[in-house]
């Protein structure tokens, strides 16, 4: 089963992530779990660009689901070009999508994935409205 990324999404960040020797597994390609680490890295970099988390009231993001489509094998050595997109803001959530390419093979998507992020109050463990600053970045 492959999850499709929506047509309507907003590019918010591009970053290069080096493929490390230790990212590979016994099959000599980047281990599947590392793709999620790459996506986490770019997602957090985007979130940290607009403020400290959690905020002073103890509110911040929680990932409630995540997926990855493995299209082509990434291998060491090289660099991953990660592109981060956002879409579909709700009252307390939004969707983030990421494509992973090799920087030496631009335009060829090696993996694509995404996650739904819900803004919560950590102490109460309840969702809260997205901060206006986040909503503006997504809209």
Protein backbone atom coordinates (compact mmCIF):
# COMPACT_ATOMS: atom_id res chain seq x y z
CA UNK A 1 0.00 0.00 0.00
CA UNK A 2 1.33 3.43 -0.90
CA UNK A 3 0.11 6.66 0.66
CA UNK A 4 -0.06 9.54 -1.79
CA UNK A 5 1.06 13.05 -0.91
CA UNK A 6 -1.61 15.67 -1.63
CA UNK A 7 -1.30 18.01 -4.59
CA UNK A 8 -2.11 21.02 -2.39
CA UNK A 9 0.78 21.46 0.01
CA UNK A 10 3.16 24.27 0.89
CA UNK A 11 6.94 23.84 0.67
CA UNK A 12 8.38 25.23 3.92
CA UNK A 13 11.95 23.94 4.15
CA UNK A 14 14.70 22.18 2.22
CA UNK A 15 17.76 20.82 3.96
CA UNK A 16 20.66 18.47 3.23
CA UNK A 17 21.31 15.57 5.60
CA UNK A 18 24.49 13.50 5.22
CA UNK A 19 24.09 9.74 4.92
CA UNK A 20 26.28 8.20 7.60
CA UNK A 21 28.05 4.86 7.32
CA UNK A 22 26.15 3.72 10.40
CA UNK A 23 22.79 4.44 8.69
CA UNK A 24 23.27 1.32 6.55
CA UNK A 25 22.16 -2.15 7.50
CA UNK A 26 23.46 -5.63 6.63
CA UNK A 27 21.92 -5.31 3.15
CA UNK A 28 24.25 -2.32 2.40
CA UNK A 29 21.48 0.23 2.09
CA UNK A 30 20.05 2.76 4.51
CA UNK A 31 17.93 0.94 7.09
CA UNK A 32 14.17 1.62 6.91
CA UNK A 33 14.10 3.11 10.41
CA UNK A 34 16.62 5.77 9.39
CA UNK A 35 14.22 7.21 6.80
CA UNK A 36 11.95 8.12 9.72
CA UNK A 37 14.94 9.76 11.45
CA UNK A 38 15.62 11.85 8.34
CA UNK A 39 11.97 12.93 8.27
CA UNK A 40 12.07 13.70 12.00
CA UNK A 41 15.20 15.81 11.51
CA UNK A 42 13.68 18.03 8.83
CA UNK A 43 10.31 18.26 10.64
CA UNK A 44 11.99 19.38 13.88
CA UNK A 45 14.25 21.83 12.06
CA UNK A 46 11.14 23.46 10.60
CA UNK A 47 9.39 23.57 13.98
CA UNK A 48 12.44 25.02 15.76
CA UNK A 49 12.69 27.83 13.20
CA UNK A 50 9.66 29.60 14.64
CA UNK A 51 10.00 29.14 18.36
CA UNK A 52 10.98 27.15 21.36
CA UNK A 53 8.95 24.11 22.25
CA UNK A 54 7.20 23.56 24.46
CA UNK A 55 5.99 27.11 24.93
CA UNK A 56 5.72 28.81 28.34
CA UNK A 57 2.28 27.23 28.92
CA UNK A 58 3.56 23.70 28.24
CA UNK A 59 1.97 23.40 24.79
CA UNK A 60 3.69 21.84 21.82
CA UNK A 61 3.58 19.27 19.03
CA UNK A 62 2.94 15.54 19.21
CA UNK A 63 3.07 13.20 16.21
CA UNK A 64 -0.03 10.99 16.18
CA UNK A 65 0.76 8.97 13.05
CA UNK A 66 3.52 8.68 10.49
CA UNK A 67 4.14 6.85 7.23
CA UNK A 68 6.89 6.32 4.68
CA UNK A 69 6.84 5.12 1.09
CA UNK A 70 10.17 3.46 0.28
CA UNK A 71 10.67 4.04 -3.45
CA UNK A 72 14.42 3.63 -4.09
CA UNK A 73 17.26 2.51 -1.84
CA UNK A 74 19.48 5.17 -0.33
CA UNK A 75 23.12 4.15 0.01
CA UNK A 76 26.28 5.52 1.59
CA UNK A 77 28.09 7.72 0.67
CA UNK A 78 25.88 10.65 -0.21
CA UNK A 79 23.61 13.36 1.01
CA UNK A 80 19.83 13.39 1.29
CA UNK A 81 17.93 16.45 0.08
CA UNK A 82 14.86 16.56 2.34
CA UNK A 83 11.90 18.75 1.35
CA UNK A 84 9.29 19.57 4.00
CA UNK A 85 5.70 20.52 3.17
CA UNK A 86 2.65 21.37 5.28
CA UNK A 87 -1.07 21.15 4.53
CA UNK A 88 -4.57 20.86 5.93
CA UNK A 89 -4.50 22.87 9.15
CA UNK A 90 -7.34 22.05 11.54
CA UNK A 91 -8.25 23.43 14.93
CA UNK A 92 -5.40 21.66 16.70
CA UNK A 93 -3.54 19.76 13.97
CA UNK A 94 -1.84 19.89 10.61
CA UNK A 95 -0.20 17.48 8.21
CA UNK A 96 3.48 17.51 7.30
CA UNK A 97 4.89 15.75 4.25
CA UNK A 98 8.50 15.06 3.33
CA UNK A 99 10.24 13.89 0.20
CA UNK A 100 13.76 12.48 0.30
CA UNK A 101 16.04 12.74 -2.73
CA UNK A 102 19.77 12.30 -3.15
CA UNK A 103 21.48 15.64 -3.63
CA UNK A 104 23.48 14.12 -6.51
CA UNK A 105 20.25 12.83 -8.14
CA UNK A 106 17.92 15.86 -7.87
CA UNK A 107 14.29 15.47 -8.80
CA UNK A 108 14.26 11.72 -8.16
CA UNK A 109 12.27 10.91 -5.02
CA UNK A 110 13.77 8.00 -3.09
CA UNK A 111 11.15 8.12 -0.34
CA UNK A 112 8.11 10.14 0.62
CA UNK A 113 6.26 10.28 3.87
CA UNK A 114 4.30 12.31 6.29
CA UNK A 115 2.89 12.75 9.75
CA UNK A 116 -0.10 14.33 11.43
CA UNK A 117 0.94 16.73 14.19
CA UNK A 118 -1.44 17.66 16.98
CA UNK A 119 -0.76 20.60 19.30
CA UNK A 120 -1.28 19.52 22.91
CA UNK A 121 -0.90 20.68 26.46
CA UNK A 122 1.64 18.19 27.78
CA UNK A 123 0.58 18.33 31.44
CA UNK A 124 -3.13 17.85 30.67
CA UNK A 125 -2.48 15.53 27.70
CA UNK A 126 -5.26 17.28 25.76
CA UNK A 127 -5.24 18.95 22.37
CA UNK A 128 -5.21 22.75 22.23
CA UNK A 129 -5.72 25.18 19.37
CA UNK A 130 -2.79 25.64 17.00
CA UNK A 131 -0.88 28.81 17.87
CA UNK A 132 -1.60 31.61 15.42
CA UNK A 133 2.10 31.75 14.52
CA UNK A 134 1.97 28.10 13.40
CA UNK A 135 -1.33 28.59 11.58
CA UNK A 136 0.15 31.52 9.62
CA UNK A 137 3.13 29.39 8.55
CA UNK A 138 0.83 26.65 7.27
CA UNK A 139 -1.80 28.84 5.56
